[in-house]
PDB file of N, CA and C in Angstrom:
ATOM      1  N   UNK A   1       0.850  -1.173   0.000  1.00  0.00           N
ATOM      2  CA  UNK A   1       0.000   0.000   0.000  1.00  0.00           C
ATOM      3  C   UNK A   1       0.893   1.233   0.000  1.00  0.00           C
ATOM      4  N   UNK A   2       0.565   2.192  -0.806  1.00  0.00           N
ATOM      5  CA  UNK A   2       1.369   3.396  -0.877  1.00  0.00           C
ATOM      6  C   UNK A   2       0.894   4.414   0.150  1.00  0.00           C
ATOM      7  N   UNK A   3       1.730   5.417   0.383  1.00  0.00           N
ATOM      8  CA  UNK A   3       1.347   6.482   1.307  1.00  0.00           C
ATOM      9  C   UNK A   3       0.077   7.168   0.840  1.00  0.00           C
ATOM     10  N   UNK A   4      -0.043   7.360  -0.470  1.00  0.00           N
ATOM     11  CA  UNK A   4      -1.232   8.023  -1.007  1.00  0.00           C
ATOM     12  C   UNK A   4      -2.499   7.243  -0.664  1.00  0.00           C
ATOM     13  N   UNK A   5      -2.453   5.919  -0.805  1.00  0.00           N
ATOM     14  CA  UNK A   5      -3.626   5.113  -0.459  1.00  0.00           C
ATOM     15  C   UNK A   5      -3.987   5.270   1.009  1.00  0.00           C
ATOM     16  N   UNK A   6      -2.991   5.263   1.869  1.00  0.00           N
ATOM     17  CA  UNK A   6      -3.250   5.392   3.297  1.00  0.00           C
ATOM     18  C   UNK A   6      -3.888   6.743   3.593  1.00  0.00           C
ATOM     19  N   UNK A   7      -3.362   7.827   2.998  1.00  0.00           N
ATOM     20  CA  UNK A   7      -3.936   9.148   3.225  1.00  0.00           C
ATOM     21  C   UNK A   7      -5.373   9.212   2.735  1.00  0.00           C
ATOM     22  N   UNK A   8      -5.633   8.685   1.535  1.00  0.00           N
ATOM     23  CA  UNK A   8      -6.985   8.712   0.999  1.00  0.00           C
ATOM     24  C   UNK A   8      -7.942   7.906   1.867  1.00  0.00           C
ATOM     25  N   UNK A   9      -7.495   6.750   2.329  1.00  0.00           N
ATOM     26  CA  UNK A   9      -8.363   5.900   3.136  1.00  0.00           C
ATOM     27  C   UNK A   9      -8.709   6.569   4.465  1.00  0.00           C
ATOM     28  N   UNK A  10      -7.771   7.298   5.035  1.00  0.00           N
ATOM     29  CA  UNK A  10      -8.021   7.892   6.345  1.00  0.00           C
ATOM     30  C   UNK A  10      -8.847   9.172   6.267  1.00  0.00           C
ATOM     31  N   UNK A  11      -8.863   9.853   5.123  1.00  0.00           N
ATOM     32  CA  UNK A  11      -9.598  11.111   5.030  1.00  0.00           C
ATOM     33  C   UNK A  11     -10.936  10.967   4.322  1.00  0.00           C
ATOM     34  N   UNK A  12     -11.094   9.966   3.473  1.00  0.00           N
ATOM     35  CA  UNK A  12     -12.318   9.855   2.679  1.00  0.00           C
ATOM     36  C   UNK A  12     -13.523   9.510   3.546  1.00  0.00           C
ATOM     37  N   UNK A  13     -13.475   8.416   4.249  1.00  0.00           N
ATOM     38  CA  UNK A  13     -14.585   7.977   5.100  1.00  0.00           C
ATOM     39  C   UNK A  13     -14.021   7.435   6.413  1.00  0.00           C
ATOM     40  N   UNK A  14     -13.615   8.307   7.311  1.00  0.00           N
ATOM     41  CA  UNK A  14     -13.032   7.809   8.554  1.00  0.00           C
ATOM     42  C   UNK A  14     -14.030   6.970   9.345  1.00  0.00           C
ATOM     43  N   UNK A  15     -13.539   5.893   9.879  1.00  0.00           N
ATOM     44  CA  UNK A  15     -14.324   4.989  10.734  1.00  0.00           C
ATOM     45  C   UNK A  15     -15.431   4.238  10.009  1.00  0.00           C
ATOM     46  N   UNK A  16     -15.432   4.230   8.680  1.00  0.00           N
ATOM     47  CA  UNK A  16     -16.418   3.473   7.912  1.00  0.00           C
ATOM     48  C   UNK A  16     -15.815   2.159   7.458  1.00  0.00           C
ATOM     49  N   UNK A  17     -16.653   1.139   7.384  1.00  0.00           N
ATOM     50  CA  UNK A  17     -16.228  -0.189   6.950  1.00  0.00           C
ATOM     51  C   UNK A  17     -17.311  -0.778   6.064  1.00  0.00           C
ATOM     52  N   UNK A  18     -16.889  -1.483   5.027  1.00  0.00           N
ATOM     53  CA  UNK A  18     -17.809  -2.172   4.123  1.00  0.00           C
ATOM     54  C   UNK A  18     -17.448  -3.644   4.138  1.00  0.00           C
ATOM     55  N   UNK A  19     -18.439  -4.504   4.274  1.00  0.00           N
ATOM     56  CA  UNK A  19     -18.174  -5.945   4.241  1.00  0.00           C
ATOM     57  C   UNK A  19     -19.333  -6.668   3.578  1.00  0.00           C
ATOM     58  N   UNK A  20     -19.052  -7.896   3.133  1.00  0.00           N
ATOM     59  CA  UNK A  20     -20.129  -8.733   2.583  1.00  0.00           C
ATOM     60  C   UNK A  20     -21.182  -8.926   3.651  1.00  0.00           C
ATOM     61  N   UNK A  21     -22.428  -8.905   3.235  1.00  0.00           N
ATOM     62  CA  UNK A  21     -23.531  -9.156   4.158  1.00  0.00           C
ATOM     63  C   UNK A  21     -23.565 -10.653   4.455  1.00  0.00           C
ATOM     64  N   UNK A  22     -23.459 -11.022   5.740  1.00  0.00           N
ATOM     65  CA  UNK A  22     -23.427 -12.448   6.085  1.00  0.00           C
ATOM     66  C   UNK A  22     -24.716 -13.165   5.676  1.00  0.00           C
ATOM     67  N   UNK A  23     -24.560 -14.406   5.274  1.00  0.00           N
ATOM     68  CA  UNK A  23     -25.693 -15.288   4.950  1.00  0.00           C
ATOM     69  C   UNK A  23     -26.593 -14.740   3.842  1.00  0.00           C
ATOM     70  N   UNK A  24     -26.036 -13.933   2.949  1.00  0.00           N
ATOM     71  CA  UNK A  24     -26.801 -13.402   1.820  1.00  0.00           C
ATOM     72  C   UNK A  24     -26.040 -13.724   0.541  1.00  0.00           C
ATOM     73  N   UNK A  25     -26.719 -14.372  -0.388  1.00  0.00           N
ATOM     74  CA  UNK A  25     -26.078 -14.794  -1.636  1.00  0.00           C
ATOM     75  C   UNK A  25     -26.016 -13.675  -2.664  1.00  0.00           C
ATOM     76  N   UNK A  26     -25.027 -13.749  -3.523  1.00  0.00           N
ATOM     77  CA  UNK A  26     -24.985 -12.910  -4.706  1.00  0.00           C
ATOM     78  C   UNK A  26     -26.193 -13.301  -5.548  1.00  0.00           C
ATOM     79  N   UNK A  27     -26.834 -12.317  -6.202  1.00  0.00           N
ATOM     80  CA  UNK A  27     -28.060 -12.626  -6.946  1.00  0.00           C
ATOM     81  C   UNK A  27     -28.074 -11.888  -8.273  1.00  0.00           C
ATOM     82  N   UNK A  28     -29.008 -12.284  -9.119  1.00  0.00           N
ATOM     83  CA  UNK A  28     -29.256 -11.568 -10.362  1.00  0.00           C
ATOM     84  C   UNK A  28     -30.449 -10.647 -10.164  1.00  0.00           C
ATOM     85  N   UNK A  29     -30.350  -9.423 -10.667  1.00  0.00           N
ATOM     86  CA  UNK A  29     -31.475  -8.488 -10.598  1.00  0.00           C
ATOM     87  C   UNK A  29     -32.467  -8.825 -11.705  1.00  0.00           C
ATOM     88  N   UNK A  30     -33.621  -8.164 -11.691  1.00  0.00           N
ATOM     89  CA  UNK A  30     -34.622  -8.359 -12.755  1.00  0.00           C
ATOM     90  C   UNK A  30     -34.060  -7.945 -14.104  1.00  0.00           C
ATOM     91  N   UNK A  31     -33.101  -7.023 -14.094  1.00  0.00           N
ATOM     92  CA  UNK A  31     -32.486  -6.553 -15.346  1.00  0.00           C
ATOM     93  C   UNK A  31     -31.335  -7.454 -15.792  1.00  0.00           C
ATOM     94  N   UNK A  32     -31.065  -8.517 -15.015  1.00  0.00           N
ATOM     95  CA  UNK A  32     -30.012  -9.453 -15.386  1.00  0.00           C
ATOM     96  C   UNK A  32     -28.621  -9.035 -14.950  1.00  0.00           C
ATOM     97  N   UNK A  33     -28.533  -8.084 -14.028  1.00  0.00           N
ATOM     98  CA  UNK A  33     -27.235  -7.666 -13.505  1.00  0.00           C
ATOM     99  C   UNK A  33     -26.914  -8.457 -12.250  1.00  0.00           C
ATOM    100  N   UNK A  34     -25.653  -8.447 -11.870  1.00  0.00           N
ATOM    101  CA  UNK A  34     -25.195  -9.170 -10.691  1.00  0.00           C
ATOM    102  C   UNK A  34     -25.216  -8.214  -9.500  1.00  0.00           C
ATOM    103  N   UNK A  35     -25.824  -8.628  -8.393  1.00  0.00           N
ATOM    104  CA  UNK A  35     -25.909  -7.799  -7.190  1.00  0.00           C
ATOM    105  C   UNK A  35     -25.156  -8.487  -6.053  1.00  0.00           C
ATOM    106  N   UNK A  36     -24.129  -7.820  -5.545  1.00  0.00           N
ATOM    107  CA  UNK A  36     -23.317  -8.316  -4.438  1.00  0.00           C
ATOM    108  C   UNK A  36     -23.762  -7.592  -3.173  1.00  0.00           C
ATOM    109  N   UNK A  37     -24.413  -8.287  -2.225  1.00  0.00           N
ATOM    110  CA  UNK A  37     -24.902  -7.640  -1.007  1.00  0.00           C
ATOM    111  C   UNK A  37     -23.748  -7.207  -0.095  1.00  0.00           C
ATOM    112  N   UNK A  38     -23.822  -5.972   0.375  1.00  0.00           N
ATOM    113  CA  UNK A  38     -22.799  -5.409   1.256  1.00  0.00           C
ATOM    114  C   UNK A  38     -23.464  -4.742   2.453  1.00  0.00           C
ATOM    115  N   UNK A  39     -22.748  -4.686   3.557  1.00  0.00           N
ATOM    116  CA  UNK A  39     -23.209  -3.972   4.751  1.00  0.00           C
ATOM    117  C   UNK A  39     -22.242  -2.837   5.034  1.00  0.00           C
ATOM    118  N   UNK A  40     -22.797  -1.677   5.406  1.00  0.00           N
ATOM    119  CA  UNK A  40     -21.997  -0.508   5.740  1.00  0.00           C
ATOM    120  C   UNK A  40     -22.036  -0.290   7.248  1.00  0.00           C
ATOM    121  N   UNK A  41     -20.854  -0.053   7.827  1.00  0.00           N
ATOM    122  CA  UNK A  41     -20.737   0.196   9.254  1.00  0.00           C
ATOM    123  C   UNK A  41     -19.975   1.492   9.475  1.00  0.00           C
ATOM    124  N   UNK A  42     -20.386   2.252  10.488  1.00  0.00           N
ATOM    125  CA  UNK A  42     -19.605   3.383  10.953  1.00  0.00           C
ATOM    126  C   UNK A  42     -19.218   3.049  12.376  1.00  0.00           C
ATOM    127  N   UNK A  43     -17.913   2.984  12.603  1.00  0.00           N
ATOM    128  CA  UNK A  43     -17.381   2.433  13.841  1.00  0.00           C
ATOM    129  C   UNK A  43     -17.946   1.020  13.990  1.00  0.00           C
ATOM    130  N   UNK A  44     -18.714   0.752  15.025  1.00  0.00           N
ATOM    131  CA  UNK A  44     -19.306  -0.579  15.175  1.00  0.00           C
ATOM    132  C   UNK A  44     -20.795  -0.585  14.855  1.00  0.00           C
ATOM    133  N   UNK A  45     -21.338   0.554  14.448  1.00  0.00           N
ATOM    134  CA  UNK A  45     -22.778   0.666  14.185  1.00  0.00           C
ATOM    135  C   UNK A  45     -23.106   0.293  12.745  1.00  0.00           C
ATOM    136  N   UNK A  46     -24.033  -0.643  12.586  1.00  0.00           N
ATOM    137  CA  UNK A  46     -24.518  -1.012  11.254  1.00  0.00           C
ATOM    138  C   UNK A  46     -25.375   0.131  10.742  1.00  0.00           C
ATOM    139  N   UNK A  47     -25.020   0.664   9.558  1.00  0.00           N
ATOM    140  CA  UNK A  47     -25.736   1.817   9.009  1.00  0.00           C
ATOM    141  C   UNK A  47     -26.695   1.448   7.889  1.00  0.00           C
ATOM    142  N   UNK A  48     -26.292   0.491   7.032  1.00  0.00           N
ATOM    143  CA  UNK A  48     -27.173   0.166   5.907  1.00  0.00           C
ATOM    144  C   UNK A  48     -26.722  -1.124   5.242  1.00  0.00           C
ATOM    145  N   UNK A  49     -27.672  -1.774   4.590  1.00  0.00           N
ATOM    146  CA  UNK A  49     -27.382  -2.878   3.683  1.00  0.00           C
ATOM    147  C   UNK A  49     -27.616  -2.365   2.275  1.00  0.00           C
ATOM    148  N   UNK A  50     -26.636  -2.541   1.420  1.00  0.00           N
ATOM    149  CA  UNK A  50     -26.709  -2.078   0.033  1.00  0.00           C
ATOM    150  C   UNK A  50     -26.193  -3.188  -0.866  1.00  0.00           C
ATOM    151  N   UNK A  51     -26.299  -2.983  -2.157  1.00  0.00           N
ATOM    152  CA  UNK A  51     -25.756  -3.952  -3.106  1.00  0.00           C
ATOM    153  C   UNK A  51     -24.864  -3.232  -4.103  1.00  0.00           C
ATOM    154  N   UNK A  52     -23.755  -3.854  -4.423  1.00  0.00           N
ATOM    155  CA  UNK A  52     -22.925  -3.411  -5.526  1.00  0.00           C
ATOM    156  C   UNK A  52     -23.489  -4.111  -6.752  1.00  0.00           C
ATOM    157  N   UNK A  53     -24.068  -3.343  -7.681  1.00  0.00           N
ATOM    158  CA  UNK A  53     -24.711  -3.912  -8.858  1.00  0.00           C
ATOM    159  C   UNK A  53     -23.777  -3.744 -10.048  1.00  0.00           C
ATOM    160  N   UNK A  54     -23.523  -4.864 -10.743  1.00  0.00           N
ATOM    161  CA  UNK A  54     -22.581  -4.884 -11.858  1.00  0.00           C
ATOM    162  C   UNK A  54     -23.215  -5.555 -13.060  1.00  0.00           C
ATOM    163  N   UNK A  55     -22.747  -5.152 -14.234  1.00  0.00           N
ATOM    164  CA  UNK A  55     -23.131  -5.878 -15.442  1.00  0.00           C
ATOM    165  C   UNK A  55     -22.417  -7.224 -15.421  1.00  0.00           C
ATOM    166  N   UNK A  56     -22.829  -8.116 -16.285  1.00  0.00           N
ATOM    167  CA  UNK A  56     -22.161  -9.415 -16.382  1.00  0.00           C
ATOM    168  C   UNK A  56     -20.691  -9.226 -16.724  1.00  0.00           C
ATOM    169  N   UNK A  57     -20.399  -8.276 -17.605  1.00  0.00           N
ATOM    170  CA  UNK A  57     -19.010  -8.021 -17.996  1.00  0.00           C
ATOM    171  C   UNK A  57     -18.186  -7.510 -16.822  1.00  0.00           C
ATOM    172  N   UNK A  58     -18.764  -6.627 -16.007  1.00  0.00           N
ATOM    173  CA  UNK A  58     -18.057  -6.116 -14.837  1.00  0.00           C
ATOM    174  C   UNK A  58     -17.820  -7.226 -13.819  1.00  0.00           C
ATOM    175  N   UNK A  59     -18.823  -8.078 -13.601  1.00  0.00           N
ATOM    176  CA  UNK A  59     -18.682  -9.191 -12.668  1.00  0.00           C
ATOM    177  C   UNK A  59     -17.628 -10.175 -13.159  1.00  0.00           C
ATOM    178  N   UNK A  60     -17.603 -10.413 -14.459  1.00  0.00           N
ATOM    179  CA  UNK A  60     -16.613 -11.319 -15.046  1.00  0.00           C
ATOM    180  C   UNK A  60     -15.205 -10.749 -14.877  1.00  0.00           C
ATOM    181  N   UNK A  61     -15.053  -9.462 -15.068  1.00  0.00           N
ATOM    182  CA  UNK A  61     -13.754  -8.807 -14.896  1.00  0.00           C
ATOM    183  C   UNK A  61     -13.306  -8.880 -13.438  1.00  0.00           C
ATOM    184  N   UNK A  62     -14.226  -8.649 -12.503  1.00  0.00           N
ATOM    185  CA  UNK A  62     -13.907  -8.758 -11.080  1.00  0.00           C
ATOM    186  C   UNK A  62     -13.493 -10.183 -10.736  1.00  0.00           C
ATOM    187  N   UNK A  63     -14.215 -11.153 -11.257  1.00  0.00           N
ATOM    188  CA  UNK A  63     -13.893 -12.559 -11.037  1.00  0.00           C
ATOM    189  C   UNK A  63     -12.471 -12.856 -11.511  1.00  0.00           C
ATOM    190  N   UNK A  64     -12.131 -12.363 -12.683  1.00  0.00           N
ATOM    191  CA  UNK A  64     -10.806 -12.578 -13.247  1.00  0.00           C
ATOM    192  C   UNK A  64      -9.723 -11.932 -12.376  1.00  0.00           C
ATOM    193  N   UNK A  65      -9.964 -10.697 -11.938  1.00  0.00           N
ATOM    194  CA  UNK A  65      -8.989 -10.002 -11.107  1.00  0.00           C
ATOM    195  C   UNK A  65      -8.801 -10.701  -9.767  1.00  0.00           C
ATOM    196  N   UNK A  66      -9.896 -11.169  -9.164  1.00  0.00           N
ATOM    197  CA  UNK A  66      -9.786 -11.897  -7.897  1.00  0.00           C
ATOM    198  C   UNK A  66      -9.021 -13.204  -8.079  1.00  0.00           C
ATOM    199  N   UNK A  67      -9.288 -13.895  -9.196  1.00  0.00           N
ATOM    200  CA  UNK A  67      -8.561 -15.130  -9.485  1.00  0.00           C
ATOM    201  C   UNK A  67      -7.066 -14.890  -9.601  1.00  0.00           C
ATOM    202  N   UNK A  68      -6.688 -13.796 -10.240  1.00  0.00           N
ATOM    203  CA  UNK A  68      -5.267 -13.458 -10.386  1.00  0.00           C
ATOM    204  C   UNK A  68      -4.630 -13.148  -9.029  1.00  0.00           C
ATOM    205  N   UNK A  69      -5.390 -12.511  -8.145  1.00  0.00           N
ATOM    206  CA  UNK A  69      -4.863 -12.216  -6.808  1.00  0.00           C
ATOM    207  C   UNK A  69      -4.729 -13.480  -5.962  1.00  0.00           C
ATOM    208  N   UNK A  70      -5.727 -14.346  -6.054  1.00  0.00           N
ATOM    209  CA  UNK A  70      -5.733 -15.546  -5.223  1.00  0.00           C
ATOM    210  C   UNK A  70      -4.808 -16.643  -5.746  1.00  0.00           C
ATOM    211  N   UNK A  71      -4.659 -16.719  -7.057  1.00  0.00           N
ATOM    212  CA  UNK A  71      -3.874 -17.783  -7.675  1.00  0.00           C
ATOM    213  C   UNK A  71      -2.897 -17.206  -8.693  1.00  0.00           C
ATOM    214  N   UNK A  72      -1.908 -16.432  -8.226  1.00  0.00           N
ATOM    215  CA  UNK A  72      -0.947 -15.853  -9.174  1.00  0.00           C
ATOM    216  C   UNK A  72      -0.147 -16.943  -9.855  1.00  0.00           C
ATOM    217  N   UNK A  73       0.144 -16.717 -11.135  1.00  0.00           N
ATOM    218  CA  UNK A  73       0.938 -17.698 -11.872  1.00  0.00           C
ATOM    219  C   UNK A  73       2.375 -17.653 -11.382  1.00  0.00           C
ATOM    220  N   UNK A  74       2.943 -18.810 -11.267  1.00  0.00           N
ATOM    221  CA  UNK A  74       4.350 -18.906 -10.901  1.00  0.00           C
ATOM    222  C   UNK A  74       5.156 -18.603 -12.162  1.00  0.00           C
ATOM    223  N   UNK A  75       6.250 -17.835 -12.009  1.00  0.00           N
ATOM    224  CA  UNK A  75       7.083 -17.497 -13.158  1.00  0.00           C
ATOM    225  C   UNK A  75       7.536 -18.755 -13.878  1.00  0.00           C
ATOM    226  N   UNK A  76       7.378 -18.773 -15.187  1.00  0.00           N
ATOM    227  CA  UNK A  76       7.775 -19.925 -15.984  1.00  0.00           C
ATOM    228  C   UNK A  76       6.668 -20.933 -16.156  1.00  0.00           C
ATOM    229  N   UNK A  77       5.545 -20.771 -15.462  1.00  0.00           N
ATOM    230  CA  UNK A  77       4.419 -21.678 -15.586  1.00  0.00           C
ATOM    231  C   UNK A  77       3.701 -21.440 -16.916  1.00  0.00           C
ATOM    232  N   UNK A  78       3.223 -22.490 -17.528  1.00  0.00           N
ATOM    233  CA  UNK A  78       2.513 -22.379 -18.802  1.00  0.00           C
ATOM    234  C   UNK A  78       1.233 -21.578 -18.630  1.00  0.00           C
ATOM    235  N   UNK A  79       0.858 -20.760 -19.609  1.00  0.00           N
ATOM    236  CA  UNK A  79      -0.353 -19.944 -19.541  1.00  0.00           C
ATOM    237  C   UNK A  79      -1.571 -20.766 -19.866  1.00  0.00           C
TER     238      UNK A  79
END
């Protein structure tokens, strides 16, 4: 993490936290978009339940990026 990220994180929304909503599945909206349920907290107080709504392409891109973070290719490994 760079210094810039730390500064932005501390000044943008101090004491706020976003996490997956427990026991709630990712779903498809009526419009066919992907909705990821999230909970917003300020300090320890639950403030709201919201959803991050993405197109299929955005969800696919996120899936790909998460896969790269979780399972990085070892140098020299076949693609």
